[in-house]
C-alpha atoms as a PDB file:
ATOM      1  CA  VAL A   1     -31.055   7.747  -0.276  1.00  0.00           C
ATOM      2  CA  ARG A   2     -29.006   6.193  -3.098  1.00  0.00           C
ATOM      3  CA  VAL A   3     -29.218   9.377  -5.169  1.00  0.00           C
ATOM      4  CA  TYR A   4     -28.023  11.411  -2.181  1.00  0.00           C
ATOM      5  CA  GLY A   5     -25.028   9.137  -1.629  1.00  0.00           C
ATOM      6  CA  LYS A   6     -24.022   9.094  -5.285  1.00  0.00           C
ATOM      7  CA  CYS A   7     -24.387  12.854  -5.664  1.00  0.00           C
ATOM      8  CA  ARG A   8     -22.390  13.411  -2.500  1.00  0.00           C
ATOM      9  CA  TRP A   9     -19.677  11.131  -3.887  1.00  0.00           C
ATOM     10  CA  VAL A  10     -19.562  13.096  -7.164  1.00  0.00           C
ATOM     11  CA  LEU A  11     -19.664  16.587  -5.662  1.00  0.00           C
ATOM     12  CA  CYS A  12     -17.455  16.261  -2.588  1.00  0.00           C
ATOM     13  CA  PRO A  13     -14.088  15.709  -4.279  1.00  0.00           C
ATOM     14  CA  ARG A  14     -14.877  18.394  -6.835  1.00  0.00           C
ATOM     15  CA  PHE A  15     -16.145  21.222  -4.637  1.00  0.00           C
ATOM     16  CA  GLY A  16     -15.466  20.146  -1.077  1.00  0.00           C
ATOM     17  CA  ARG A  17     -18.430  20.727   1.201  1.00  0.00           C
ATOM     18  CA  ILE A  18     -19.730  23.853  -0.566  1.00  0.00           C
ATOM     19  CA  TYR A  19     -22.436  22.207  -2.683  1.00  0.00           C
ATOM     20  CA  LEU A  20     -23.485  19.577  -0.149  1.00  0.00           C
ATOM     21  CA  ALA A  21     -26.116  21.928   1.317  1.00  0.00           C
ATOM     22  CA  ALA A  22     -27.969  21.683  -1.997  1.00  0.00           C
ATOM     23  CA  LEU A  23     -28.285  17.935  -1.457  1.00  0.00           C
ATOM     24  CA  HIS A  24     -30.087  18.321   1.865  1.00  0.00           C
ATOM     25  CA  PRO A  25     -33.610  17.819   0.420  1.00  0.00           C
ATOM     26  CA  LEU A  26     -32.528  14.444  -1.000  1.00  0.00           C
ATOM     27  CA  ARG A  27     -31.725  13.077   2.462  1.00  0.00           C
ATOM     28  CA  GLN A  28     -35.409  12.875   3.378  1.00  0.00           C
ATOM     29  CA  VAL A  29     -36.507  11.189   0.144  1.00  0.00           C
ATOM     30  CA  ARG A  30     -37.425   7.514   0.305  1.00  0.00           C
ATOM     31  CA  SER A  31     -36.990   5.448  -2.829  1.00  0.00           C
ATOM     32  CA  SER A  32     -40.742   5.002  -3.363  1.00  0.00           C
ATOM     33  CA  SER A  33     -41.922   8.493  -2.387  1.00  0.00           C
ATOM     34  CA  ALA A  34     -43.388  10.893  -4.950  1.00  0.00           C
ATOM     35  CA  PHE A  35     -42.706  14.626  -5.099  1.00  0.00           C
ATOM     36  CA  SER A  36     -44.199  17.596  -6.901  1.00  0.00           C
ATOM     37  CA  PRO A  37     -42.367  19.606  -9.589  1.00  0.00           C
ATOM     38  CA  GLN A  38     -42.426  22.652  -7.288  1.00  0.00           C
ATOM     39  CA  SER A  39     -40.903  20.862  -4.281  1.00  0.00           C
ATOM     40  CA  ASP A  40     -37.427  21.286  -2.796  1.00  0.00           C
ATOM     41  CA  VAL A  41     -36.544  17.834  -4.097  1.00  0.00           C
ATOM     42  CA  ALA A  42     -37.393  18.836  -7.688  1.00  0.00           C
ATOM     43  CA  GLU A  43     -35.331  22.025  -7.346  1.00  0.00           C
ATOM     44  CA  CYS A  44     -32.456  20.008  -5.943  1.00  0.00           C
ATOM     45  CA  LEU A  45     -32.564  17.522  -8.829  1.00  0.00           C
ATOM     46  CA  THR A  46     -32.743  20.358 -11.401  1.00  0.00           C
ATOM     47  CA  PHE A  47     -29.755  22.011  -9.753  1.00  0.00           C
ATOM     48  CA  LEU A  48     -27.814  18.725  -9.836  1.00  0.00           C
ATOM     49  CA  LEU A  49     -28.597  18.192 -13.524  1.00  0.00           C
ATOM     50  CA  ARG A  50     -27.237  21.664 -14.334  1.00  0.00           C
ATOM     51  CA  ILE A  51     -24.070  21.034 -12.321  1.00  0.00           C
ATOM     52  CA  LEU A  52     -23.507  17.615 -13.878  1.00  0.00           C
ATOM     53  CA  ASP A  53     -23.842  19.144 -17.358  1.00  0.00           C
ATOM     54  CA  VAL A  54     -20.897  21.481 -16.765  1.00  0.00           C
ATOM     55  CA  LEU A  55     -18.687  19.269 -14.607  1.00  0.00           C
ATOM     56  CA  ARG A  56     -15.474  18.156 -16.200  1.00  0.00           C
ATOM     57  CA  PRO A  57     -14.069  14.748 -15.318  1.00  0.00           C
ATOM     58  CA  VAL A  58     -11.642  14.716 -12.430  1.00  0.00           C
ATOM     59  CA  SER A  59      -8.750  12.316 -12.581  1.00  0.00           C
ATOM     60  CA  VAL A  60      -7.511  11.084  -9.246  1.00  0.00           C
ATOM     61  CA  PRO A  61      -4.189   9.249  -9.434  1.00  0.00           C
ATOM     62  CA  VAL A  62      -4.200   6.006  -7.497  1.00  0.00           C
ATOM     63  CA  PHE A  63      -0.443   6.159  -6.989  1.00  0.00           C
ATOM     64  CA  PRO A  64       1.588   9.338  -6.649  1.00  0.00           C
ATOM     65  CA  VAL A  65       3.345  10.167  -9.883  1.00  0.00           C
ATOM     66  CA  ARG A  66       7.113   9.959  -9.489  1.00  0.00           C
ATOM     67  CA  CYS A  67       9.611  10.968 -12.121  1.00  0.00           C
ATOM     68  CA  GLU A  68      12.584   9.350 -10.412  1.00  0.00           C
ATOM     69  CA  GLU A  69      13.849   5.891 -11.225  1.00  0.00           C
ATOM     70  CA  PRO A  70      13.171   3.365  -8.473  1.00  0.00           C
ATOM     71  CA  VAL A  71      15.895   2.012  -6.238  1.00  0.00           C
ATOM     72  CA  LEU A  72      16.168  -1.736  -6.837  1.00  0.00           C
ATOM     73  CA  VAL A  73      16.726  -4.022  -3.848  1.00  0.00           C
ATOM     74  CA  PHE A  74      17.461  -7.728  -4.103  1.00  0.00           C
ATOM     75  CA  SER A  75      17.638  -9.642  -0.832  1.00  0.00           C
ATOM     76  CA  ASP A  76      18.262 -13.348  -0.429  1.00  0.00           C
ATOM     77  CA  ALA A  77      19.134 -15.908   2.209  1.00  0.00           C
ATOM     78  CA  SER A  78      20.194 -19.505   2.490  1.00  0.00           C
ATOM     79  CA  TYR A  79      19.821 -21.928   5.373  1.00  0.00           C
ATOM     80  CA  LYS A  80      21.559 -25.270   5.812  1.00  0.00           C
ATOM     81  CA  THR A  81      19.435 -27.483   8.041  1.00  0.00           C
ATOM     82  CA  GLN A  82      22.146 -29.923   9.135  1.00  0.00           C
ATOM     83  CA  SER A  83      24.745 -27.331  10.114  1.00  0.00           C
ATOM     84  CA  LYS A  84      22.138 -24.725  11.175  1.00  0.00           C
ATOM     85  CA  ILE A  85      24.002 -22.026   9.302  1.00  0.00           C
ATOM     86  CA  GLY A  86      22.224 -19.234   7.498  1.00  0.00           C
ATOM     87  CA  GLU A  87      23.659 -16.643   5.165  1.00  0.00           C
ATOM     88  CA  LEU A  88      22.171 -13.321   4.121  1.00  0.00           C
ATOM     89  CA  GLY A  89      22.785 -11.131   1.110  1.00  0.00           C
ATOM     90  CA  VAL A  90      21.569  -7.763  -0.129  1.00  0.00           C
ATOM     91  CA  VAL A  91      22.235  -5.935  -3.401  1.00  0.00           C
ATOM     92  CA  VAL A  92      20.976  -2.377  -3.949  1.00  0.00           C
ATOM     93  CA  TRP A  93      21.066  -0.470  -7.242  1.00  0.00           C
ATOM     94  CA  CYS A  94      20.817   3.291  -6.689  1.00  0.00           C
ATOM     95  CA  PRO A  95      20.102   5.067  -9.997  1.00  0.00           C
ATOM     96  CA  ALA A  96      20.690   8.521  -8.481  1.00  0.00           C
ATOM     97  CA  ARG A  97      24.288   7.594  -7.628  1.00  0.00           C
ATOM     98  CA  ARG A  98      24.671   5.145 -10.541  1.00  0.00           C
ATOM     99  CA  ARG A  99      26.201   2.684  -8.077  1.00  0.00           C
ATOM    100  CA  LEU A 100      25.694  -0.843  -6.874  1.00  0.00           C
ATOM    101  CA  PHE A 101      25.831  -1.503  -3.124  1.00  0.00           C
ATOM    102  CA  CYS A 102      26.232  -4.974  -1.614  1.00  0.00           C
ATOM    103  CA  ALA A 103      26.222  -6.499   1.850  1.00  0.00           C
ATOM    104  CA  GLY A 104      26.409 -10.042   3.130  1.00  0.00           C
ATOM    105  CA  ALA A 105      26.698 -11.788   6.470  1.00  0.00           C
ATOM    106  CA  ARG A 106      26.003 -14.964   8.361  1.00  0.00           C
ATOM    107  CA  LEU A 107      22.659 -15.258  10.091  1.00  0.00           C
ATOM    108  CA  PRO A 108      23.457 -14.328  13.715  1.00  0.00           C
ATOM    109  CA  ALA A 109      23.250 -17.188  16.219  1.00  0.00           C
ATOM    110  CA  TRP A 110      20.917 -15.134  18.432  1.00  0.00           C
ATOM    111  CA  ALA A 111      18.465 -14.767  15.513  1.00  0.00           C
ATOM    112  CA  LEU A 112      18.451 -18.517  14.933  1.00  0.00           C
ATOM    113  CA  CYS A 113      17.887 -19.093  18.676  1.00  0.00           C
ATOM    114  CA  LEU A 114      14.980 -16.643  18.543  1.00  0.00           C
ATOM    115  CA  PHE A 115      13.449 -18.440  15.546  1.00  0.00           C
ATOM    116  CA  GLU A 116      13.752 -21.795  17.349  1.00  0.00           C
ATOM    117  CA  TYR A 117      12.293 -20.346  20.548  1.00  0.00           C
ATOM    118  CA  LEU A 118       9.276 -18.917  18.727  1.00  0.00           C
ATOM    119  CA  ARG A 119       8.535 -22.082  16.773  1.00  0.00           C
ATOM    120  CA  LYS A 120      10.438 -25.319  16.322  1.00  0.00           C
ATOM    121  CA  GLN A 121      10.710 -26.195  12.609  1.00  0.00           C
ATOM    122  CA  LYS A 122      12.851 -28.280  10.270  1.00  0.00           C
ATOM    123  CA  THR A 123      14.116 -25.237   8.385  1.00  0.00           C
ATOM    124  CA  TYR A 124      14.131 -21.492   8.933  1.00  0.00           C
ATOM    125  CA  ILE A 125      14.595 -20.315   5.351  1.00  0.00           C
ATOM    126  CA  CYS A 126      11.468 -18.124   5.378  1.00  0.00           C
ATOM    127  CA  GLN A 127      12.588 -16.375   8.565  1.00  0.00           C
ATOM    128  CA  ALA A 128      16.100 -15.966   7.129  1.00  0.00           C
ATOM    129  CA  GLU A 129      14.641 -14.433   3.950  1.00  0.00           C
ATOM    130  CA  LEU A 130      12.613 -11.972   6.029  1.00  0.00           C
ATOM    131  CA  TYR A 131      15.674 -11.139   8.103  1.00  0.00           C
ATOM    132  CA  ALA A 132      17.676 -10.485   4.910  1.00  0.00           C
ATOM    133  CA  ALA A 133      14.907  -8.189   3.635  1.00  0.00           C
ATOM    134  CA  LEU A 134      14.917  -6.291   6.926  1.00  0.00           C
ATOM    135  CA  CYS A 135      18.717  -6.025   6.782  1.00  0.00           C
ATOM    136  CA  ALA A 136      18.443  -4.220   3.446  1.00  0.00           C
ATOM    137  CA  TRP A 137      16.414  -1.438   5.059  1.00  0.00           C
ATOM    138  CA  VAL A 138      18.582  -1.246   8.179  1.00  0.00           C
ATOM    139  CA  THR A 139      21.901  -1.393   6.291  1.00  0.00           C
ATOM    140  CA  PHE A 140      21.096   1.180   3.597  1.00  0.00           C
ATOM    141  CA  PRO A 141      18.569   3.619   5.125  1.00  0.00           C
ATOM    142  CA  ASP A 142      20.102   6.649   3.378  1.00  0.00           C
ATOM    143  CA  LEU A 143      19.592   5.011  -0.025  1.00  0.00           C
ATOM    144  CA  LEU A 144      16.012   3.847   0.604  1.00  0.00           C
ATOM    145  CA  ARG A 145      14.351   6.458   2.830  1.00  0.00           C
ATOM    146  CA  GLY A 146      11.780   8.531   0.958  1.00  0.00           C
ATOM    147  CA  ARG A 147      12.496   6.831  -2.354  1.00  0.00           C
ATOM    148  CA  LEU A 148      10.424   4.633  -4.614  1.00  0.00           C
ATOM    149  CA  VAL A 149      11.816   1.150  -3.923  1.00  0.00           C
ATOM    150  CA  HIS A 150      11.246  -2.084  -5.822  1.00  0.00           C
ATOM    151  CA  HIS A 151      12.264  -4.850  -3.424  1.00  0.00           C
ATOM    152  CA  PHE A 152      12.673  -8.333  -4.886  1.00  0.00           C
ATOM    153  CA  ILE A 153      12.461 -11.408  -2.644  1.00  0.00           C
ATOM    154  CA  ASP A 154      12.590 -14.916  -4.130  1.00  0.00           C
ATOM    155  CA  ASN A 155      10.639 -16.585  -1.308  1.00  0.00           C
ATOM    156  CA  LYS A 156       6.853 -16.229  -1.699  1.00  0.00           C
ATOM    157  CA  ALA A 157       6.114 -16.760   2.015  1.00  0.00           C
ATOM    158  CA  ALA A 158       8.646 -14.099   3.023  1.00  0.00           C
ATOM    159  CA  GLU A 159       7.324 -11.763   0.326  1.00  0.00           C
ATOM    160  CA  ALA A 160       3.788 -12.185   1.658  1.00  0.00           C
ATOM    161  CA  GLY A 161       4.991 -11.539   5.196  1.00  0.00           C
ATOM    162  CA  MET A 162       6.712  -8.330   4.089  1.00  0.00           C
ATOM    163  CA  GLY A 163       3.621  -7.153   2.213  1.00  0.00           C
ATOM    164  CA  LYS A 164       1.112  -7.967   4.956  1.00  0.00           C
ATOM    165  CA  LYS A 165       3.501  -7.060   7.785  1.00  0.00           C
ATOM    166  CA  THR A 166       2.024  -9.994   9.685  1.00  0.00           C
ATOM    167  CA  SER A 167       2.042 -13.761   9.765  1.00  0.00           C
ATOM    168  CA  PRO A 168      -0.374 -16.375  11.129  1.00  0.00           C
ATOM    169  CA  ALA A 169       2.532 -18.050  12.955  1.00  0.00           C
ATOM    170  CA  PRO A 170       5.616 -16.651  14.707  1.00  0.00           C
END
């Protein structure tokens, strides 16, 4: 069964389903069973040895190869606990246009109310950082859509939330 699985793994990406029929005799083989040199299993193994002798290595890229320079996004936020004021900032470097784009704003009062409603905390800096990161994508969609983007966030919790797209707490 292990030989069947490994051979299937080797042959499938290379030839599609064409050569999988040749593996059929291996499906019935148990790891401890014996077989004769004239059996279907022996023919199958001989066939596989011949194929493996002529196979060239296949390289499968893990990431798509892109020739373009990445768009660089830097988002940041600040939150003052006593005054309950948050500020957001985004800087985008677009190499295709050779231009720097910037945006900044106060954290909207409705967003702060939403954060407080979801979970009462001493500070909302992580939520503000996530909101700033989201603002980058909403503010500059024409610069970021379909492009390779390197987004830098200086808050590890917000960065993890962006990467996982989820959080254990609201």
